């Protein structure tokens, strides 16, 4: 496998690490943003309200699961940021 990566990296004019990152980025596209998730949910809800038979409960649940994952990520980020802020203020107490 190492040789295959080296060949592709050379062919593309990249380091092996850059080649690996490129392949991973292609395989794992970035997560949708919150506005994109809300837009998709709104679309699915409108179609469901119109009794569009092509919109399934599974599609709506899938979009809700993506939203939940994104919100969980944001919550973890806020908790991490808040704990870092708390650690920083504990090291440098005001007074």
PDB file of N, CA and C in Angstrom:
ATOM      1  N   UNK A   1       0.834  -1.189   0.000  1.00  0.00           N
ATOM      2  CA  UNK A   1       0.000   0.000   0.000  1.00  0.00           C
ATOM      3  C   UNK A   1       0.881   1.255   0.000  1.00  0.00           C
ATOM      4  N   UNK A   2       1.963   1.206   0.751  1.00  0.00           N
ATOM      5  CA  UNK A   2       2.857   2.368   0.829  1.00  0.00           C
ATOM      6  C   UNK A   2       3.352   2.758  -0.562  1.00  0.00           C
ATOM      7  N   UNK A   3       3.708   1.744  -1.362  1.00  0.00           N
ATOM      8  CA  UNK A   3       4.197   2.018  -2.720  1.00  0.00           C
ATOM      9  C   UNK A   3       3.114   2.666  -3.575  1.00  0.00           C
ATOM     10  N   UNK A   4       1.891   2.188  -3.435  1.00  0.00           N
ATOM     11  CA  UNK A   4       0.788   2.761  -4.222  1.00  0.00           C
ATOM     12  C   UNK A   4       0.572   4.218  -3.856  1.00  0.00           C
ATOM     13  N   UNK A   5       0.645   4.521  -2.563  1.00  0.00           N
ATOM     14  CA  UNK A   5       0.483   5.916  -2.122  1.00  0.00           C
ATOM     15  C   UNK A   5       1.625   6.764  -2.664  1.00  0.00           C
ATOM     16  N   UNK A   6       2.856   6.225  -2.601  1.00  0.00           N
ATOM     17  CA  UNK A   6       4.021   6.968  -3.102  1.00  0.00           C
ATOM     18  C   UNK A   6       3.890   7.255  -4.595  1.00  0.00           C
ATOM     19  N   UNK A   7       3.419   6.279  -5.355  1.00  0.00           N
ATOM     20  CA  UNK A   7       3.246   6.471  -6.801  1.00  0.00           C
ATOM     21  C   UNK A   7       2.207   7.553  -7.075  1.00  0.00           C
ATOM     22  N   UNK A   8       1.068   7.484  -6.400  1.00  0.00           N
ATOM     23  CA  UNK A   8       0.020   8.496  -6.592  1.00  0.00           C
ATOM     24  C   UNK A   8       0.491   9.873  -6.149  1.00  0.00           C
ATOM     25  N   UNK A   9       1.214   9.921  -5.043  1.00  0.00           N
ATOM     26  CA  UNK A   9       1.724  11.203  -4.552  1.00  0.00           C
ATOM     27  C   UNK A   9       2.665  11.820  -5.573  1.00  0.00           C
ATOM     28  N   UNK A  10       3.561  11.009  -6.125  1.00  0.00           N
ATOM     29  CA  UNK A  10       4.498  11.515  -7.132  1.00  0.00           C
ATOM     30  C   UNK A  10       3.744  11.957  -8.382  1.00  0.00           C
ATOM     31  N   UNK A  11       2.780  11.177  -8.792  1.00  0.00           N
ATOM     32  CA  UNK A  11       1.982  11.504  -9.980  1.00  0.00           C
ATOM     33  C   UNK A  11       1.250  12.838  -9.798  1.00  0.00           C
ATOM     34  N   UNK A  12       0.806  13.113  -8.576  1.00  0.00           N
ATOM     35  CA  UNK A  12       0.056  14.343  -8.294  1.00  0.00           C
ATOM     36  C   UNK A  12       0.930  15.480  -7.777  1.00  0.00           C
ATOM     37  N   UNK A  13       2.238  15.227  -7.672  1.00  0.00           N
ATOM     38  CA  UNK A  13       3.152  16.267  -7.215  1.00  0.00           C
ATOM     39  C   UNK A  13       2.959  16.650  -5.758  1.00  0.00           C
ATOM     40  N   UNK A  14       2.655  15.641  -4.921  1.00  0.00           N
ATOM     41  CA  UNK A  14       2.418  15.896  -3.504  1.00  0.00           C
ATOM     42  C   UNK A  14       3.281  14.971  -2.658  1.00  0.00           C
ATOM     43  N   UNK A  15       3.389  15.319  -1.388  1.00  0.00           N
ATOM     44  CA  UNK A  15       4.034  14.410  -0.435  1.00  0.00           C
ATOM     45  C   UNK A  15       3.068  13.258  -0.164  1.00  0.00           C
ATOM     46  N   UNK A  16       3.582  12.207   0.434  1.00  0.00           N
ATOM     47  CA  UNK A  16       2.702  11.083   0.765  1.00  0.00           C
ATOM     48  C   UNK A  16       1.635  11.514   1.764  1.00  0.00           C
ATOM     49  N   UNK A  17       2.023  12.321   2.744  1.00  0.00           N
ATOM     50  CA  UNK A  17       1.033  12.801   3.718  1.00  0.00           C
ATOM     51  C   UNK A  17      -0.055  13.614   3.031  1.00  0.00           C
ATOM     52  N   UNK A  18       0.346  14.506   2.116  1.00  0.00           N
ATOM     53  CA  UNK A  18      -0.643  15.324   1.402  1.00  0.00           C
ATOM     54  C   UNK A  18      -1.557  14.441   0.561  1.00  0.00           C
ATOM     55  N   UNK A  19      -1.010  13.386  -0.016  1.00  0.00           N
ATOM     56  CA  UNK A  19      -1.822  12.455  -0.818  1.00  0.00           C
ATOM     57  C   UNK A  19      -2.839  11.740   0.063  1.00  0.00           C
ATOM     58  N   UNK A  20      -2.398  11.301   1.233  1.00  0.00           N
ATOM     59  CA  UNK A  20      -3.304  10.618   2.165  1.00  0.00           C
ATOM     60  C   UNK A  20      -4.417  11.562   2.606  1.00  0.00           C
ATOM     61  N   UNK A  21      -4.059  12.795   2.940  1.00  0.00           N
ATOM     62  CA  UNK A  21      -5.059  13.784   3.354  1.00  0.00           C
ATOM     63  C   UNK A  21      -6.051  14.035   2.224  1.00  0.00           C
ATOM     64  N   UNK A  22      -5.559  14.139   0.993  1.00  0.00           N
ATOM     65  CA  UNK A  22      -6.437  14.382  -0.156  1.00  0.00           C
ATOM     66  C   UNK A  22      -7.451  13.250  -0.324  1.00  0.00           C
ATOM     67  N   UNK A  23      -6.974  12.021  -0.208  1.00  0.00           N
ATOM     68  CA  UNK A  23      -7.868  10.866  -0.340  1.00  0.00           C
ATOM     69  C   UNK A  23      -8.906  10.865   0.782  1.00  0.00           C
ATOM     70  N   UNK A  24      -8.458  11.159   2.000  1.00  0.00           N
ATOM     71  CA  UNK A  24      -9.395  11.192   3.127  1.00  0.00           C
ATOM     72  C   UNK A  24     -10.428  12.303   2.959  1.00  0.00           C
ATOM     73  N   UNK A  25      -9.998  13.465   2.482  1.00  0.00           N
ATOM     74  CA  UNK A  25     -10.944  14.568   2.271  1.00  0.00           C
ATOM     75  C   UNK A  25     -11.973  14.212   1.209  1.00  0.00           C
ATOM     76  N   UNK A  26     -11.543  13.479   0.170  1.00  0.00           N
ATOM     77  CA  UNK A  26     -12.490  13.044  -0.862  1.00  0.00           C
ATOM     78  C   UNK A  26     -13.477  12.027  -0.301  1.00  0.00           C
ATOM     79  N   UNK A  27     -12.973  11.143   0.546  1.00  0.00           N
ATOM     80  CA  UNK A  27     -13.814  10.070   1.082  1.00  0.00           C
ATOM     81  C   UNK A  27     -14.724  10.549   2.213  1.00  0.00           C
ATOM     82  N   UNK A  28     -14.252  11.522   2.981  1.00  0.00           N
ATOM     83  CA  UNK A  28     -15.017  12.059   4.104  1.00  0.00           C
ATOM     84  C   UNK A  28     -15.251  13.548   3.890  1.00  0.00           C
ATOM     85  N   UNK A  29     -16.269  13.898   3.106  1.00  0.00           N
ATOM     86  CA  UNK A  29     -16.520  15.323   2.862  1.00  0.00           C
ATOM     87  C   UNK A  29     -16.879  16.032   4.165  1.00  0.00           C
ATOM     88  N   UNK A  30     -16.713  17.359   4.189  1.00  0.00           N
ATOM     89  CA  UNK A  30     -17.023  18.090   5.421  1.00  0.00           C
ATOM     90  C   UNK A  30     -18.493  17.942   5.804  1.00  0.00           C
ATOM     91  N   UNK A  31     -18.725  17.983   7.095  1.00  0.00           N
ATOM     92  CA  UNK A  31     -20.098  17.899   7.596  1.00  0.00           C
ATOM     93  C   UNK A  31     -20.869  19.137   7.159  1.00  0.00           C
ATOM     94  N   UNK A  32     -22.164  18.986   6.917  1.00  0.00           N
ATOM     95  CA  UNK A  32     -22.950  20.162   6.532  1.00  0.00           C
ATOM     96  C   UNK A  32     -23.007  21.178   7.668  1.00  0.00           C
ATOM     97  N   UNK A  33     -23.158  22.429   7.289  1.00  0.00           N
ATOM     98  CA  UNK A  33     -23.277  23.493   8.289  1.00  0.00           C
ATOM     99  C   UNK A  33     -24.689  23.472   8.871  1.00  0.00           C
ATOM    100  N   UNK A  34     -24.868  24.147   9.993  1.00  0.00           N
ATOM    101  CA  UNK A  34     -26.209  24.223  10.589  1.00  0.00           C
ATOM    102  C   UNK A  34     -27.228  24.821   9.626  1.00  0.00           C
ATOM    103  N   UNK A  35     -26.918  25.935   8.932  1.00  0.00           N
ATOM    104  CA  UNK A  35     -27.905  26.461   7.983  1.00  0.00           C
ATOM    105  C   UNK A  35     -28.274  25.448   6.898  1.00  0.00           C
ATOM    106  N   UNK A  36     -27.299  24.660   6.434  1.00  0.00           N
ATOM    107  CA  UNK A  36     -27.598  23.639   5.425  1.00  0.00           C
ATOM    108  C   UNK A  36     -28.509  22.561   5.996  1.00  0.00           C
ATOM    109  N   UNK A  37     -28.262  22.174   7.236  1.00  0.00           N
ATOM    110  CA  UNK A  37     -29.102  21.156   7.873  1.00  0.00           C
ATOM    111  C   UNK A  37     -30.520  21.683   8.051  1.00  0.00           C
ATOM    112  N   UNK A  38     -30.658  22.918   8.546  1.00  0.00           N
ATOM    113  CA  UNK A  38     -31.989  23.498   8.727  1.00  0.00           C
ATOM    114  C   UNK A  38     -32.715  23.644   7.394  1.00  0.00           C
ATOM    115  N   UNK A  39     -31.987  24.024   6.350  1.00  0.00           N
ATOM    116  CA  UNK A  39     -32.600  24.152   5.025  1.00  0.00           C
ATOM    117  C   UNK A  39     -33.145  22.802   4.559  1.00  0.00           C
ATOM    118  N   UNK A  40     -32.364  21.747   4.737  1.00  0.00           N
ATOM    119  CA  UNK A  40     -32.805  20.409   4.353  1.00  0.00           C
ATOM    120  C   UNK A  40     -34.014  19.977   5.177  1.00  0.00           C
ATOM    121  N   UNK A  41     -33.971  20.215   6.484  1.00  0.00           N
ATOM    122  CA  UNK A  41     -35.113  19.862   7.336  1.00  0.00           C
ATOM    123  C   UNK A  41     -36.370  20.618   6.925  1.00  0.00           C
ATOM    124  N   UNK A  42     -36.238  21.912   6.687  1.00  0.00           N
ATOM    125  CA  UNK A  42     -37.398  22.705   6.267  1.00  0.00           C
ATOM    126  C   UNK A  42     -37.975  22.186   4.962  1.00  0.00           C
ATOM    127  N   UNK A  43     -37.106  21.836   4.024  1.00  0.00           N
ATOM    128  CA  UNK A  43     -37.567  21.287   2.749  1.00  0.00           C
ATOM    129  C   UNK A  43     -38.340  19.991   2.979  1.00  0.00           C
ATOM    130  N   UNK A  44     -37.773  19.086   3.778  1.00  0.00           N
ATOM    131  CA  UNK A  44     -38.440  17.812   4.031  1.00  0.00           C
ATOM    132  C   UNK A  44     -39.774  18.009   4.739  1.00  0.00           C
ATOM    133  N   UNK A  45     -39.823  18.922   5.691  1.00  0.00           N
ATOM    134  CA  UNK A  45     -41.073  19.190   6.413  1.00  0.00           C
ATOM    135  C   UNK A  45     -42.126  19.749   5.466  1.00  0.00           C
ATOM    136  N   UNK A  46     -41.742  20.718   4.621  1.00  0.00           N
ATOM    137  CA  UNK A  46     -42.707  21.289   3.658  1.00  0.00           C
ATOM    138  C   UNK A  46     -43.241  20.212   2.720  1.00  0.00           C
ATOM    139  N   UNK A  47     -42.352  19.359   2.237  1.00  0.00           N
ATOM    140  CA  UNK A  47     -42.790  18.309   1.325  1.00  0.00           C
ATOM    141  C   UNK A  47     -43.703  17.318   2.047  1.00  0.00           C
ATOM    142  N   UNK A  48     -43.369  17.007   3.290  1.00  0.00           N
ATOM    143  CA  UNK A  48     -44.201  16.092   4.064  1.00  0.00           C
ATOM    144  C   UNK A  48     -45.581  16.705   4.313  1.00  0.00           C
ATOM    145  N   UNK A  49     -45.618  18.003   4.626  1.00  0.00           N
ATOM    146  CA  UNK A  49     -46.895  18.682   4.867  1.00  0.00           C
ATOM    147  C   UNK A  49     -47.761  18.701   3.615  1.00  0.00           C
ATOM    148  N   UNK A  50     -47.141  18.702   2.462  1.00  0.00           N
ATOM    149  CA  UNK A  50     -47.889  18.669   1.193  1.00  0.00           C
ATOM    150  C   UNK A  50     -48.299  17.243   0.829  1.00  0.00           C
ATOM    151  N   UNK A  51     -48.020  16.331   1.734  1.00  0.00           N
ATOM    152  CA  UNK A  51     -48.344  14.920   1.529  1.00  0.00           C
ATOM    153  C   UNK A  51     -47.631  14.362   0.306  1.00  0.00           C
ATOM    154  N   UNK A  52     -46.410  14.825   0.105  1.00  0.00           N
ATOM    155  CA  UNK A  52     -45.589  14.309  -0.987  1.00  0.00           C
ATOM    156  C   UNK A  52     -45.170  12.889  -0.615  1.00  0.00           C
ATOM    157  N   UNK A  53     -45.624  11.937  -1.376  1.00  0.00           N
ATOM    158  CA  UNK A  53     -45.374  10.533  -1.062  1.00  0.00           C
ATOM    159  C   UNK A  53     -43.913  10.137  -1.260  1.00  0.00           C
ATOM    160  N   UNK A  54     -43.142  10.982  -1.948  1.00  0.00           N
ATOM    161  CA  UNK A  54     -41.741  10.629  -2.178  1.00  0.00           C
ATOM    162  C   UNK A  54     -40.877  10.901  -0.949  1.00  0.00           C
ATOM    163  N   UNK A  55     -41.365  11.725  -0.012  1.00  0.00           N
ATOM    164  CA  UNK A  55     -40.621  12.015   1.207  1.00  0.00           C
ATOM    165  C   UNK A  55     -41.000  10.971   2.249  1.00  0.00           C
ATOM    166  N   UNK A  56     -40.013  10.251   2.699  1.00  0.00           N
ATOM    167  CA  UNK A  56     -40.284   9.189   3.663  1.00  0.00           C
ATOM    168  C   UNK A  56     -39.922   9.633   5.074  1.00  0.00           C
ATOM    169  N   UNK A  57     -40.502   8.948   6.003  1.00  0.00           N
ATOM    170  CA  UNK A  57     -40.173   9.190   7.413  1.00  0.00           C
ATOM    171  C   UNK A  57     -38.682   8.958   7.638  1.00  0.00           C
ATOM    172  N   UNK A  58     -38.125   7.987   6.942  1.00  0.00           N
ATOM    173  CA  UNK A  58     -36.698   7.677   7.077  1.00  0.00           C
ATOM    174  C   UNK A  58     -35.839   8.873   6.685  1.00  0.00           C
ATOM    175  N   UNK A  59     -36.209   9.594   5.620  1.00  0.00           N
ATOM    176  CA  UNK A  59     -35.445  10.773   5.197  1.00  0.00           C
ATOM    177  C   UNK A  59     -35.499  11.871   6.258  1.00  0.00           C
ATOM    178  N   UNK A  60     -36.675  12.072   6.820  1.00  0.00           N
ATOM    179  CA  UNK A  60     -36.820  13.094   7.863  1.00  0.00           C
ATOM    180  C   UNK A  60     -36.003  12.697   9.089  1.00  0.00           C
ATOM    181  N   UNK A  61     -36.078  11.437   9.484  1.00  0.00           N
ATOM    182  CA  UNK A  61     -35.317  10.977  10.646  1.00  0.00           C
ATOM    183  C   UNK A  61     -33.814  11.073  10.388  1.00  0.00           C
ATOM    184  N   UNK A  62     -33.398  10.794   9.174  1.00  0.00           N
ATOM    185  CA  UNK A  62     -31.980  10.904   8.829  1.00  0.00           C
ATOM    186  C   UNK A  62     -31.498  12.341   8.975  1.00  0.00           C
ATOM    187  N   UNK A  63     -32.284  13.285   8.477  1.00  0.00           N
ATOM    188  CA  UNK A  63     -31.925  14.703   8.594  1.00  0.00           C
ATOM    189  C   UNK A  63     -31.895  15.132  10.059  1.00  0.00           C
ATOM    190  N   UNK A  64     -32.837  14.639  10.855  1.00  0.00           N
ATOM    191  CA  UNK A  64     -32.844  14.964  12.285  1.00  0.00           C
ATOM    192  C   UNK A  64     -31.617  14.383  12.995  1.00  0.00           C
ATOM    193  N   UNK A  65     -31.208  13.190  12.601  1.00  0.00           N
ATOM    194  CA  UNK A  65     -30.016  12.592  13.199  1.00  0.00           C
ATOM    195  C   UNK A  65     -28.763  13.393  12.865  1.00  0.00           C
ATOM    196  N   UNK A  66     -28.671  13.885  11.627  1.00  0.00           N
ATOM    197  CA  UNK A  66     -27.534  14.727  11.244  1.00  0.00           C
ATOM    198  C   UNK A  66     -27.528  15.992  12.092  1.00  0.00           C
ATOM    199  N   UNK A  67     -28.703  16.582  12.289  1.00  0.00           N
ATOM    200  CA  UNK A  67     -28.815  17.784  13.114  1.00  0.00           C
ATOM    201  C   UNK A  67     -28.379  17.488  14.551  1.00  0.00           C
ATOM    202  N   UNK A  68     -28.812  16.373  15.096  1.00  0.00           N
ATOM    203  CA  UNK A  68     -28.437  16.009  16.461  1.00  0.00           C
ATOM    204  C   UNK A  68     -26.926  15.856  16.587  1.00  0.00           C
ATOM    205  N   UNK A  69     -26.296  15.200  15.632  1.00  0.00           N
ATOM    206  CA  UNK A  69     -24.841  15.025  15.666  1.00  0.00           C
ATOM    207  C   UNK A  69     -24.150  16.377  15.643  1.00  0.00           C
ATOM    208  N   UNK A  70     -24.620  17.266  14.759  1.00  0.00           N
ATOM    209  CA  UNK A  70     -24.005  18.591  14.646  1.00  0.00           C
ATOM    210  C   UNK A  70     -24.186  19.374  15.950  1.00  0.00           C
ATOM    211  N   UNK A  71     -25.372  19.324  16.521  1.00  0.00           N
ATOM    212  CA  UNK A  71     -25.620  20.035  17.780  1.00  0.00           C
ATOM    213  C   UNK A  71     -24.775  19.456  18.917  1.00  0.00           C
ATOM    214  N   UNK A  72     -24.609  18.130  18.930  1.00  0.00           N
ATOM    215  CA  UNK A  72     -23.742  17.510  19.940  1.00  0.00           C
ATOM    216  C   UNK A  72     -22.304  17.991  19.784  1.00  0.00           C
ATOM    217  N   UNK A  73     -21.827  18.085  18.530  1.00  0.00           N
ATOM    218  CA  UNK A  73     -20.468  18.576  18.275  1.00  0.00           C
ATOM    219  C   UNK A  73     -20.320  20.008  18.771  1.00  0.00           C
ATOM    220  N   UNK A  74     -21.320  20.826  18.472  1.00  0.00           N
ATOM    221  CA  UNK A  74     -21.267  22.217  18.917  1.00  0.00           C
ATOM    222  C   UNK A  74     -21.271  22.309  20.436  1.00  0.00           C
ATOM    223  N   UNK A  75     -22.098  21.500  21.069  1.00  0.00           N
ATOM    224  CA  UNK A  75     -22.169  21.519  22.529  1.00  0.00           C
ATOM    225  C   UNK A  75     -20.831  21.101  23.130  1.00  0.00           C
ATOM    226  N   UNK A  76     -20.214  20.065  22.594  1.00  0.00           N
ATOM    227  CA  UNK A  76     -18.907  19.633  23.092  1.00  0.00           C
ATOM    228  C   UNK A  76     -17.881  20.732  22.899  1.00  0.00           C
ATOM    229  N   UNK A  77     -17.930  21.411  21.761  1.00  0.00           N
ATOM    230  CA  UNK A  77     -17.006  22.509  21.494  1.00  0.00           C
ATOM    231  C   UNK A  77     -17.196  23.641  22.474  1.00  0.00           C
ATOM    232  N   UNK A  78     -18.441  23.962  22.788  1.00  0.00           N
ATOM    233  CA  UNK A  78     -18.713  25.036  23.742  1.00  0.00           C
ATOM    234  C   UNK A  78     -18.261  24.637  25.134  1.00  0.00           C
ATOM    235  N   UNK A  79     -18.483  23.392  25.489  1.00  0.00           N
ATOM    236  CA  UNK A  79     -18.052  22.923  26.804  1.00  0.00           C
ATOM    237  C   UNK A  79     -16.532  22.965  26.885  1.00  0.00           C
ATOM    238  N   UNK A  80     -15.853  22.517  25.817  1.00  0.00           N
ATOM    239  CA  UNK A  80     -14.388  22.549  25.802  1.00  0.00           C
ATOM    240  C   UNK A  80     -13.882  23.976  25.890  1.00  0.00           C
ATOM    241  N   UNK A  81     -14.498  24.875  25.117  1.00  0.00           N
ATOM    242  CA  UNK A  81     -14.080  26.280  25.132  1.00  0.00           C
ATOM    243  C   UNK A  81     -14.313  26.886  26.512  1.00  0.00           C
ATOM    244  N   UNK A  82     -15.448  26.554  27.128  1.00  0.00           N
ATOM    245  CA  UNK A  82     -15.756  27.094  28.456  1.00  0.00           C
ATOM    246  C   UNK A  82     -14.782  26.554  29.495  1.00  0.00           C
ATOM    247  N   UNK A  83     -14.430  25.276  29.398  1.00  0.00           N
ATOM    248  CA  UNK A  83     -13.500  24.716  30.383  1.00  0.00           C
ATOM    249  C   UNK A  83     -12.107  25.294  30.196  1.00  0.00           C
ATOM    250  N   UNK A  84     -11.706  25.553  28.950  1.00  0.00           N
ATOM    251  CA  UNK A  84     -10.410  26.191  28.711  1.00  0.00           C
ATOM    252  C   UNK A  84     -10.401  27.603  29.285  1.00  0.00           C
ATOM    253  N   UNK A  85     -11.520  28.299  29.108  1.00  0.00           N
ATOM    254  CA  UNK A  85     -11.629  29.661  29.639  1.00  0.00           C
ATOM    255  C   UNK A  85     -11.545  29.623  31.165  1.00  0.00           C
ATOM    256  N   UNK A  86     -12.208  28.636  31.765  1.00  0.00           N
ATOM    257  CA  UNK A  86     -12.178  28.498  33.221  1.00  0.00           C
ATOM    258  C   UNK A  86     -10.768  28.173  33.702  1.00  0.00           C
ATOM    259  N   UNK A  87     -10.079  27.286  32.986  1.00  0.00           N
ATOM    260  CA  UNK A  87      -8.704  26.946  33.353  1.00  0.00           C
ATOM    261  C   UNK A  87      -7.819  28.183  33.279  1.00  0.00           C
ATOM    262  N   UNK A  88      -8.003  28.965  32.226  1.00  0.00           N
ATOM    263  CA  UNK A  88      -7.204  30.173  32.051  1.00  0.00           C
ATOM    264  C   UNK A  88      -7.439  31.176  33.155  1.00  0.00           C
ATOM    265  N   UNK A  89      -8.687  31.349  33.565  1.00  0.00           N
ATOM    266  CA  UNK A  89      -8.985  32.320  34.622  1.00  0.00           C
ATOM    267  C   UNK A  89      -8.523  31.802  35.977  1.00  0.00           C
ATOM    268  N   UNK A  90      -8.467  30.476  36.145  1.00  0.00           N
ATOM    269  CA  UNK A  90      -7.968  29.915  37.404  1.00  0.00           C
ATOM    270  C   UNK A  90      -6.466  30.147  37.522  1.00  0.00           C
ATOM    271  N   UNK A  91      -5.772  30.119  36.389  1.00  0.00           N
ATOM    272  CA  UNK A  91      -4.329  30.353  36.398  1.00  0.00           C
ATOM    273  C   UNK A  91      -3.997  31.815  36.623  1.00  0.00           C
ATOM    274  N   UNK A  92      -4.883  32.680  36.159  1.00  0.00           N
ATOM    275  CA  UNK A  92      -4.661  34.120  36.245  1.00  0.00           C
ATOM    276  C   UNK A  92      -5.823  34.776  36.975  1.00  0.00           C
ATOM    277  N   UNK A  93      -5.932  34.538  38.278  1.00  0.00           N
ATOM    278  CA  UNK A  93      -7.078  35.112  39.006  1.00  0.00           C
ATOM    279  C   UNK A  93      -7.026  36.633  39.001  1.00  0.00           C
ATOM    280  N   UNK A  94      -8.220  37.182  38.892  1.00  0.00           N
ATOM    281  CA  UNK A  94      -8.330  38.648  38.940  1.00  0.00           C
ATOM    282  C   UNK A  94      -8.372  39.082  40.394  1.00  0.00           C
ATOM    283  N   UNK A  95      -7.837  40.228  40.666  1.00  0.00           N
ATOM    284  CA  UNK A  95      -7.951  40.599  42.051  1.00  0.00           C
ATOM    285  C   UNK A  95      -7.300  41.823  42.366  1.00  0.00           C
TER     286      UNK A  95
END
